Protein backbone atom coordinates (compact mmCIF):
# COMPACT_ATOMS: atom_id res chain seq x y z
CA MET A 1 -1.60 -51.95 46.55
CA LYS A 2 -4.89 -50.08 46.32
CA ASN A 3 -8.03 -52.19 45.74
CA CYS A 4 -8.39 -55.68 47.17
CA ALA A 5 -10.80 -58.61 46.86
CA VAL A 6 -11.41 -61.04 49.74
CA VAL A 7 -12.65 -64.34 48.35
CA GLY A 8 -13.21 -67.95 49.36
CA ILE A 9 -10.84 -70.68 48.19
CA ASN A 10 -13.05 -73.68 48.94
CA TRP A 11 -16.77 -74.37 49.40
CA GLY A 12 -17.53 -71.25 51.45
CA ASP A 13 -17.60 -70.79 55.23
CA GLU A 14 -13.85 -70.11 55.22
CA GLY A 15 -14.00 -67.02 57.43
CA LYS A 16 -14.26 -64.18 54.89
CA GLY A 17 -16.37 -61.97 57.16
CA ARG A 18 -13.81 -62.25 59.94
CA MET A 19 -11.03 -61.13 57.57
CA VAL A 20 -13.04 -58.32 55.94
CA ASP A 21 -13.86 -56.97 59.40
CA LEU A 22 -10.14 -57.05 60.23
CA LEU A 23 -8.91 -55.52 56.97
CA ALA A 24 -11.69 -52.98 56.43
CA LYS A 25 -10.05 -50.28 58.54
CA GLY A 26 -7.44 -49.91 55.79
CA TYR A 27 -10.07 -49.11 53.13
CA ASP A 28 -12.61 -46.40 52.37
CA ILE A 29 -15.32 -48.58 50.79
CA VAL A 30 -16.39 -52.21 51.21
CA VAL A 31 -18.46 -53.67 48.37
CA ARG A 32 -20.43 -56.91 48.47
CA TYR A 33 -20.54 -57.84 44.78
CA GLN A 34 -22.60 -61.06 44.43
CA GLY A 35 -24.79 -63.60 46.18
CA GLY A 36 -27.67 -63.17 48.57
CA GLY A 37 -28.84 -63.98 52.06
CA ASN A 38 -28.21 -67.70 51.73
CA ALA A 39 -24.93 -67.71 53.67
CA GLY A 40 -23.58 -65.89 56.69
CA HIS A 41 -20.34 -64.02 57.38
CA THR A 42 -19.57 -64.38 61.08
CA VAL A 43 -17.89 -61.41 62.72
CA VAL A 44 -16.74 -61.08 66.35
CA ASN A 45 -15.66 -57.62 67.50
CA GLU A 46 -16.16 -55.08 70.29
CA TYR A 47 -19.88 -54.90 69.50
CA GLY A 48 -20.48 -58.64 69.92
CA LYS A 49 -20.90 -61.66 67.65
CA PHE A 50 -22.79 -61.23 64.38
CA SER A 51 -23.83 -63.29 61.37
CA LEU A 52 -24.16 -60.98 58.38
CA HIS A 53 -26.12 -62.27 55.40
CA LEU A 54 -26.46 -59.25 53.11
CA LEU A 55 -24.72 -56.32 54.76
CA PRO A 56 -21.01 -55.99 53.91
CA SER A 57 -18.68 -56.91 56.77
CA GLY A 58 -17.26 -53.39 56.87
CA ILE A 59 -20.49 -52.11 58.41
CA PHE A 60 -18.97 -51.98 61.92
CA ASN A 61 -16.47 -49.31 60.89
CA ALA A 62 -18.18 -45.92 61.17
CA ASP A 63 -15.94 -44.18 58.63
CA ILE A 64 -16.37 -46.77 55.87
CA VAL A 65 -19.01 -46.70 53.14
CA ASN A 66 -20.61 -50.11 52.54
CA VAL A 67 -22.07 -50.94 49.14
CA LEU A 68 -24.37 -53.65 47.79
CA GLY A 69 -23.55 -54.10 44.12
CA ASN A 70 -25.74 -54.83 41.13
CA ASP A 71 -25.28 -58.62 41.20
CA VAL A 72 -26.40 -59.01 44.81
CA ALA A 73 -29.70 -60.87 45.25
CA LEU A 74 -31.33 -57.99 47.08
CA ASP A 75 -33.87 -59.37 49.55
CA PRO A 76 -35.64 -56.33 51.09
CA GLU A 77 -37.20 -58.35 53.90
CA ASN A 78 -33.97 -59.94 55.06
CA LEU A 79 -32.06 -56.69 54.62
CA CYS A 80 -34.55 -54.69 56.71
CA ASN A 81 -34.42 -57.27 59.49
CA GLU A 82 -30.63 -57.28 59.43
CA ILE A 83 -30.44 -53.48 59.61
CA ASP A 84 -32.88 -53.45 62.53
CA ASP A 85 -30.89 -56.11 64.39
CA LEU A 86 -27.62 -54.21 64.04
CA ARG A 87 -29.13 -50.87 64.97
CA ALA A 88 -30.54 -52.45 68.13
CA LYS A 89 -26.96 -53.32 69.08
CA GLY A 90 -25.69 -49.80 68.54
CA ILE A 91 -24.39 -50.02 64.96
CA HIS A 92 -24.93 -46.83 62.96
CA ILE A 93 -26.49 -47.43 59.54
CA SER A 94 -27.65 -44.61 57.27
CA PRO A 95 -27.61 -43.68 53.56
CA GLU A 96 -24.24 -42.11 54.25
CA ASN A 97 -22.55 -45.42 55.07
CA LEU A 98 -24.78 -47.90 53.20
CA LYS A 99 -25.51 -47.63 49.49
CA ILE A 100 -27.53 -50.03 47.32
CA SER A 101 -27.11 -50.20 43.56
CA ASP A 102 -30.17 -49.03 41.65
CA ARG A 103 -29.36 -51.87 39.21
CA ALA A 104 -29.59 -54.62 41.84
CA SER A 105 -32.59 -56.87 41.29
CA LEU A 106 -35.08 -57.52 44.07
CA LEU A 107 -35.52 -61.01 45.47
CA MET A 108 -39.30 -61.39 45.61
CA PRO A 109 -41.32 -63.37 48.19
CA TRP A 110 -42.17 -65.97 45.56
CA HIS A 111 -38.50 -66.79 45.01
CA ARG A 112 -38.23 -68.33 48.49
CA LEU A 113 -41.47 -70.27 47.97
CA GLN A 114 -40.30 -71.60 44.61
CA ASP A 115 -36.96 -72.61 46.12
CA CYS A 116 -38.70 -74.69 48.79
CA LEU A 117 -41.14 -76.25 46.31
CA GLU A 118 -38.35 -77.26 43.93
CA GLU A 119 -36.24 -78.88 46.67
CA GLU A 120 -39.33 -80.81 47.79
CA ARG A 121 -39.94 -81.95 44.22
CA LEU A 122 -36.34 -83.13 43.80
CA LYS A 123 -36.41 -85.11 47.07
CA ASP A 124 -33.23 -87.22 47.24
CA ARG A 125 -31.86 -85.46 44.14
CA LYS A 126 -31.92 -82.04 45.82
CA TYR A 127 -29.04 -79.56 45.49
CA GLY A 128 -28.88 -78.68 49.19
CA SER A 129 -30.41 -75.23 48.86
CA THR A 130 -30.71 -73.01 51.92
CA LYS A 131 -34.21 -72.19 50.60
CA GLN A 132 -33.60 -68.46 50.54
CA GLY A 133 -34.76 -68.15 46.94
CA ILE A 134 -31.32 -67.67 45.39
CA ALA A 135 -31.55 -70.08 42.42
CA PRO A 136 -35.07 -68.93 41.38
CA PHE A 137 -33.93 -65.32 41.76
CA TYR A 138 -30.92 -65.66 39.46
CA SER A 139 -32.97 -67.76 37.05
CA ASP A 140 -35.53 -64.96 36.81
CA LYS A 141 -32.77 -62.37 36.52
CA TYR A 142 -31.39 -64.05 33.42
CA LEU A 143 -34.91 -64.54 32.11
CA LYS A 144 -35.21 -60.75 32.51
CA LYS A 145 -38.15 -61.17 34.88
CA THR A 146 -37.04 -59.22 37.96
CA ILE A 147 -37.56 -55.75 39.38
CA GLN A 148 -34.49 -53.52 39.68
CA ALA A 149 -34.13 -51.50 42.88
CA GLY A 150 -34.16 -48.22 40.98
CA GLU A 151 -37.71 -48.93 39.80
CA LEU A 152 -38.96 -48.27 43.34
CA ALA A 153 -38.59 -44.57 42.58
CA HIS A 154 -41.17 -44.81 39.74
CA PRO A 155 -44.40 -46.20 41.28
CA ARG A 156 -46.62 -46.18 38.18
CA LYS A 157 -44.17 -48.07 35.96
CA LEU A 158 -43.25 -50.31 38.89
CA HIS A 159 -46.83 -51.47 39.35
CA GLU A 160 -47.24 -52.14 35.65
CA HIS A 161 -44.09 -54.24 35.72
CA LEU A 162 -45.23 -56.11 38.83
CA GLU A 163 -48.54 -56.99 37.17
CA GLN A 164 -46.66 -58.63 34.30
CA LEU A 165 -44.39 -60.57 36.64
CA LEU A 166 -47.31 -61.61 38.83
CA GLU A 167 -49.08 -63.18 35.87
CA TYR A 168 -45.96 -65.05 34.80
CA LYS A 169 -45.01 -66.30 38.25
CA ASN A 170 -48.50 -67.51 39.14
CA LEU A 171 -48.62 -69.57 35.94
CA LEU A 172 -45.46 -71.31 37.16
CA LEU A 173 -46.43 -71.70 40.82
CA GLN A 174 -49.91 -73.02 40.08
CA GLY A 175 -49.21 -74.95 36.90
CA VAL A 176 -45.97 -76.68 37.89
CA TYR A 177 -46.16 -76.93 41.67
CA GLY A 178 -49.90 -76.66 42.41
CA ALA A 179 -49.19 -73.85 44.87
CA GLU A 180 -51.42 -70.97 45.89
CA PRO A 181 -51.09 -67.86 43.71
CA TYR A 182 -49.76 -64.51 44.85
CA THR A 183 -52.09 -61.53 44.75
CA ARG A 184 -51.54 -57.87 44.02
CA GLU A 185 -52.54 -57.08 47.61
CA MET A 186 -49.78 -59.34 48.93
CA LEU A 187 -47.22 -57.52 46.81
CA GLU A 188 -48.53 -54.11 47.85
CA GLN A 189 -48.07 -55.07 51.49
CA TRP A 190 -44.55 -56.33 50.79
CA LEU A 191 -43.63 -53.11 48.99
CA GLU A 192 -44.92 -50.94 51.82
CA THR A 193 -43.44 -53.01 54.65
CA TYR A 194 -39.94 -53.60 53.29
CA CYS A 195 -39.17 -51.88 49.99
CA GLU A 196 -40.09 -48.40 51.20
CA LYS A 197 -37.59 -48.80 54.05
CA ILE A 198 -34.67 -49.47 51.73
CA ARG A 199 -35.49 -46.76 49.17
CA PRO A 200 -33.32 -44.07 50.86
CA TYR A 201 -30.23 -46.26 50.41
CA ILE A 202 -30.68 -46.81 46.65
CA CYS A 203 -28.47 -44.78 44.33
CA ASP A 204 -26.32 -44.89 41.22
CA VAL A 205 -23.52 -47.00 42.69
CA THR A 206 -21.59 -47.03 39.40
CA GLU A 207 -21.36 -43.25 39.44
CA TYR A 208 -20.47 -43.26 43.15
CA LEU A 209 -17.65 -45.78 42.71
CA GLU A 210 -16.30 -44.01 39.63
CA GLN A 211 -16.01 -40.73 41.52
CA ALA A 212 -14.52 -42.49 44.54
CA ASP A 213 -11.89 -44.10 42.34
CA LYS A 214 -10.98 -40.73 40.81
CA LEU A 215 -10.51 -39.37 44.32
CA GLY A 216 -8.10 -42.20 45.13
CA LYS A 217 -10.42 -44.04 47.51
CA LYS A 218 -9.44 -47.62 48.37
CA ILE A 219 -12.04 -50.34 47.73
CA LEU A 220 -12.34 -53.74 49.40
CA PHE A 221 -14.47 -56.22 47.43
CA GLU A 222 -16.21 -58.90 49.53
CA ALA A 223 -17.31 -62.21 48.01
CA GLN A 224 -19.89 -64.67 49.25
CA LEU A 225 -19.22 -68.45 49.35
CA GLY A 226 -16.10 -69.88 47.70
CA ALA A 227 -14.44 -70.85 44.43
CA LEU A 228 -15.88 -74.36 44.45
CA ARG A 229 -19.41 -72.92 44.58
CA ASP A 230 -18.90 -70.71 41.53
CA ILE A 231 -21.66 -71.25 38.95
CA ASP A 232 -19.17 -71.76 36.11
CA LEU A 233 -15.99 -73.24 37.60
CA GLY A 234 -17.33 -74.84 40.79
CA ILE A 235 -18.81 -78.28 41.49
CA TYR A 236 -21.79 -77.68 39.19
CA PRO A 237 -24.72 -78.24 39.72
CA TYR A 238 -24.01 -78.18 43.49
CA THR A 239 -23.02 -74.56 43.29
CA THR A 240 -24.51 -71.21 44.09
CA SER A 241 -26.14 -69.29 41.22
CA SER A 242 -23.65 -66.43 40.88
CA ASN A 243 -19.96 -65.90 40.18
CA THR A 244 -17.90 -66.08 43.37
CA LEU A 245 -14.55 -65.33 41.74
CA ALA A 246 -12.39 -62.25 42.28
CA SER A 247 -12.23 -61.58 38.54
CA TYR A 248 -15.97 -60.89 38.64
CA ALA A 249 -15.77 -58.42 41.54
CA PRO A 250 -15.70 -55.14 39.56
CA ILE A 251 -18.57 -56.32 37.34
CA GLY A 252 -20.80 -57.45 40.19
CA ALA A 253 -20.01 -54.25 42.06
CA GLY A 254 -20.97 -52.10 39.09
CA CYS A 255 -17.51 -50.72 38.29
CA PRO A 256 -15.88 -52.86 35.56
CA PHE A 257 -13.51 -49.95 34.87
CA ILE A 258 -11.88 -50.34 38.31
CA GLY A 259 -9.06 -52.84 38.76
CA VAL A 260 -8.36 -55.28 41.60
CA ASP A 261 -4.74 -54.94 42.73
CA GLU A 262 -4.63 -57.66 45.37
CA ILE A 263 -6.63 -60.85 45.95
CA ILE A 264 -6.67 -62.42 49.40
CA GLY A 265 -7.97 -65.97 49.35
CA ILE A 266 -9.46 -67.33 52.57
CA MET A 267 -9.13 -71.00 53.45
CA LYS A 268 -9.52 -73.03 56.63
CA ALA A 269 -6.84 -75.19 58.16
CA TYR A 270 -9.22 -78.11 57.51
CA SER A 271 -12.10 -78.58 55.10
CA THR A 272 -15.79 -77.87 55.64
CA CYS A 273 -18.77 -77.96 53.33
CA VAL A 274 -22.45 -77.02 53.69
CA GLY A 275 -24.89 -78.54 51.25
CA GLU A 276 -24.89 -81.38 48.77
CA GLY A 277 -22.25 -82.51 46.29
CA PRO A 278 -19.01 -84.50 46.28
CA PHE A 279 -16.61 -83.81 49.16
CA VAL A 280 -13.62 -86.08 48.69
CA SER A 281 -11.85 -85.61 52.03
CA GLU A 282 -15.01 -85.86 54.15
CA MET A 283 -14.67 -87.51 57.56
CA SER A 284 -17.38 -89.69 59.02
CA ASP A 285 -18.76 -90.75 62.38
CA GLN A 286 -16.93 -89.87 65.61
CA GLU A 287 -13.88 -88.30 63.98
CA ALA A 288 -16.08 -85.80 62.14
CA GLU A 289 -18.23 -85.06 65.18
CA VAL A 290 -15.25 -84.14 67.33
CA LEU A 291 -13.81 -81.77 64.70
CA ARG A 292 -17.26 -80.25 64.10
CA GLU A 293 -17.67 -79.50 67.82
CA LYS A 294 -14.13 -78.16 68.23
CA GLY A 295 -14.58 -75.83 65.27
CA GLU A 296 -18.24 -74.96 66.00
CA GLU A 297 -19.04 -75.92 62.43
CA TYR A 298 -22.70 -75.07 62.02
CA GLY A 299 -24.12 -72.96 59.20
CA ALA A 300 -24.36 -69.25 60.05
CA LYS A 301 -27.61 -68.96 58.07
CA THR A 302 -29.30 -72.32 58.64
CA GLY A 303 -27.64 -73.68 61.78
CA ARG A 304 -27.31 -77.06 60.07
CA PRO A 305 -24.14 -79.08 60.82
CA ARG A 306 -21.38 -78.54 58.30
CA ARG A 307 -19.74 -81.53 56.69
CA VAL A 308 -16.10 -81.63 57.80
CA GLY A 309 -12.98 -83.27 56.48
CA ALA A 310 -9.22 -83.30 56.22
CA LEU A 311 -7.70 -80.26 54.54
CA ASP A 312 -8.12 -80.91 50.82
CA LEU A 313 -5.01 -79.54 49.13
CA VAL A 314 -6.15 -80.67 45.67
CA ALA A 315 -9.31 -78.60 45.91
CA SER A 316 -7.45 -75.75 47.62
CA ARG A 317 -4.81 -75.50 44.92
CA TYR A 318 -7.55 -75.42 42.29
CA GLY A 319 -9.46 -72.75 44.22
CA THR A 320 -6.31 -70.68 44.69
CA ARG A 321 -5.61 -70.83 40.97
CA ILE A 322 -9.06 -69.87 39.72
CA GLN A 323 -9.28 -67.06 42.27
CA ASN A 324 -5.81 -65.90 41.13
CA ALA A 325 -5.03 -65.31 44.81
CA SER A 326 -1.95 -63.22 45.53
CA LYS A 327 -1.89 -64.27 49.19
CA ILE A 328 -3.80 -66.54 51.56
CA ALA A 329 -5.38 -66.03 54.97
CA LEU A 330 -5.49 -69.36 56.80
CA THR A 331 -8.26 -69.51 59.41
CA LYS A 332 -9.04 -71.73 62.40
CA LEU A 333 -5.55 -73.17 62.80
CA ASP A 334 -6.14 -73.20 66.56
CA VAL A 335 -8.98 -75.71 66.17
CA LEU A 336 -6.51 -78.45 65.21
CA SER A 337 -4.56 -78.19 68.47
CA TYR A 338 -6.22 -81.30 69.92
CA LEU A 339 -4.88 -83.68 67.26
CA ASP A 340 -1.83 -85.93 67.66
CA LYS A 341 -1.71 -86.44 63.89
CA ILE A 342 -3.32 -84.07 61.40
CA PRO A 343 -4.75 -85.69 58.24
CA VAL A 344 -4.29 -83.90 54.92
CA CYS A 345 -5.60 -84.92 51.49
CA VAL A 346 -2.62 -84.52 49.13
CA ALA A 347 -4.00 -86.28 46.04
CA TYR A 348 -7.04 -88.11 44.65
CA GLU A 349 -7.18 -91.77 43.67
CA CYS A 350 -9.65 -92.58 40.91
CA ASN A 351 -9.92 -95.92 39.12
CA GLY A 352 -6.42 -96.87 40.16
CA THR A 353 -4.83 -93.59 39.12
CA VAL A 354 -3.40 -91.09 41.63
CA SER A 355 -3.69 -87.45 40.58
CA ARG A 356 -3.43 -83.91 41.96
CA HIS A 357 -5.84 -82.64 39.29
CA PHE A 358 -9.25 -81.33 40.41
CA PRO A 359 -11.74 -82.91 37.98
CA LEU A 360 -15.34 -82.35 36.88
CA THR A 361 -18.12 -83.02 39.39
CA ASP A 362 -19.09 -86.39 37.90
CA GLU A 363 -15.51 -87.63 38.23
CA LEU A 364 -15.20 -86.24 41.78
CA ALA A 365 -17.89 -88.64 42.93
CA ASP A 366 -15.55 -91.56 42.15
CA CYS A 367 -12.43 -90.05 43.76
CA ARG A 368 -10.96 -91.18 47.05
CA PRO A 369 -8.57 -89.12 49.19
CA VAL A 370 -4.86 -89.91 49.43
CA ILE A 371 -4.10 -88.96 53.04
CA GLU A 372 -0.80 -87.96 54.61
CA TYR A 373 -0.41 -87.16 58.30
CA PHE A 374 1.40 -84.25 59.89
CA GLU A 375 2.61 -84.05 63.46
CA GLY A 376 0.27 -82.11 65.73
CA TRP A 377 1.46 -79.47 68.17
CA LYS A 378 -0.84 -80.53 71.04
CA CYS A 379 -0.93 -77.16 72.80
CA ASP A 380 -3.14 -74.08 72.91
CA ILE A 381 -1.96 -71.56 70.30
CA SER A 382 -4.96 -69.20 70.44
CA SER A 383 -3.06 -66.44 72.28
CA ILE A 384 0.02 -66.46 70.03
CA ARG A 385 0.50 -63.31 67.95
CA SER A 386 3.85 -63.82 66.21
CA TRP A 387 5.19 -66.36 63.75
CA ALA A 388 8.29 -66.96 65.86
CA ASP A 389 6.17 -68.13 68.80
CA LEU A 390 4.27 -70.81 66.88
CA PRO A 391 5.28 -74.43 67.58
CA GLU A 392 7.55 -75.90 64.92
CA GLN A 393 4.88 -78.47 64.02
CA ALA A 394 2.41 -75.66 63.24
CA LYS A 395 5.01 -73.83 61.15
CA ASN A 396 5.72 -77.03 59.24
CA TYR A 397 2.00 -77.56 58.59
CA ILE A 398 1.63 -74.00 57.24
CA ASN A 399 4.79 -74.18 55.12
CA CYS A 400 3.66 -77.44 53.52
CA ILE A 401 0.26 -75.98 52.64
CA GLU A 402 1.93 -72.91 51.19
CA SER A 403 4.29 -75.00 49.09
CA TYR A 404 1.51 -77.24 47.74
CA ILE A 405 -0.94 -74.51 46.71
CA GLY A 406 1.80 -72.23 45.37
CA CYS A 407 0.69 -69.09 47.18
CA PRO A 408 2.11 -67.33 50.26
CA ILE A 409 0.14 -67.54 53.51
CA ALA A 410 0.19 -63.98 54.83
CA TYR A 411 -2.39 -64.20 57.62
CA ILE A 412 -2.96 -66.95 60.17
CA SER A 413 -6.16 -66.72 62.18
CA LEU A 414 -6.09 -68.24 65.67
CA GLY A 415 -9.59 -67.35 66.84
CA PRO A 416 -12.73 -65.44 65.85
CA GLN A 417 -11.77 -62.19 67.58
CA ARG A 418 -10.56 -59.31 65.44
CA ASP A 419 -7.03 -59.31 66.93
CA ALA A 420 -6.58 -63.11 67.06
CA TYR A 421 -4.22 -63.46 64.13
CA ILE A 422 -0.61 -63.49 63.00
CA LYS A 423 0.57 -61.43 60.03
CA ARG A 424 3.71 -62.81 58.40
């Protein structure tokens, strides 16, 4: 196997950053191919604990080139702050190990403002946005009203383009939301403070990846969020605004001519969800609070409590299928060690009918979980590093998941540290 994509099977927050950090040492290039700074990839290694929002999770490996592809929502302000934070902790970042596609569009300051204004307007009908400007950004991208990173190298044309966008965006902000307009001076300050800092990293990523592929370099594609947040096949409209699927990886990276040989789907040993939308296996009250505390389930970007629930095998099988996963990495199995009985959602009941089919969002709202219970192992497994040493109850739990979703579980994560895992 040569090139690999690491993707989420569920709603996001599955532990992709932890697995990319682990696997990256076997690759030459790590490419983040979609999404923006609206979610965090948590990594724990010899440098400390980090929440990455835009930088690829291979950035801690000095010999690996990290790439931000053309479909990333490139937020210069957040990216500059993230680079500064990592450098302060001793992480080397330079144009040699970080490259930004010249075709990536810039997330502008007004995208965050518009995101906040729209969520306020929707009130109790809100989508659960992290208010990082992602939906307005992708909306503008498809309206062809964004600046591409490569334009920063052509100041005169850039300023002409910005003038056009400024006029358009102020009509929207003032006319629809009654907000204060942006000025040219505000944009000039933003360009100088943030965009000039990222200019040295911008290059023709398509050309770079093509040459790397010809030289036999191995590429690891890193996704943001999970299958159920995909704009097309997720729980629309409670999705992100980009394609989170492995099949999109070469396109979002800027190299549609490069194939993906292996797809590793990441899923938790229980279910979590940040944001709005139907969540069939969701727990409530004290049961949820205990699991949330045991698993430290708080958003890496926002800090808001994640919704938690029993492992949803219906959603997980669907996510595995649309990601076309060739193997699974199961994370946070150790968190369940406190339970006598482990609840698992094995089917949905809707209007008197029991089904293992994952339906459209409107139908999901009427579904109820069919729960089965598995025996817990009731012991600390966080230090175990071989399959043979796992309790039989844990093996049974893993084997049942594997059988239901129809995909082998190759990695079992037993903690956030880089070496806290079992490879089968």
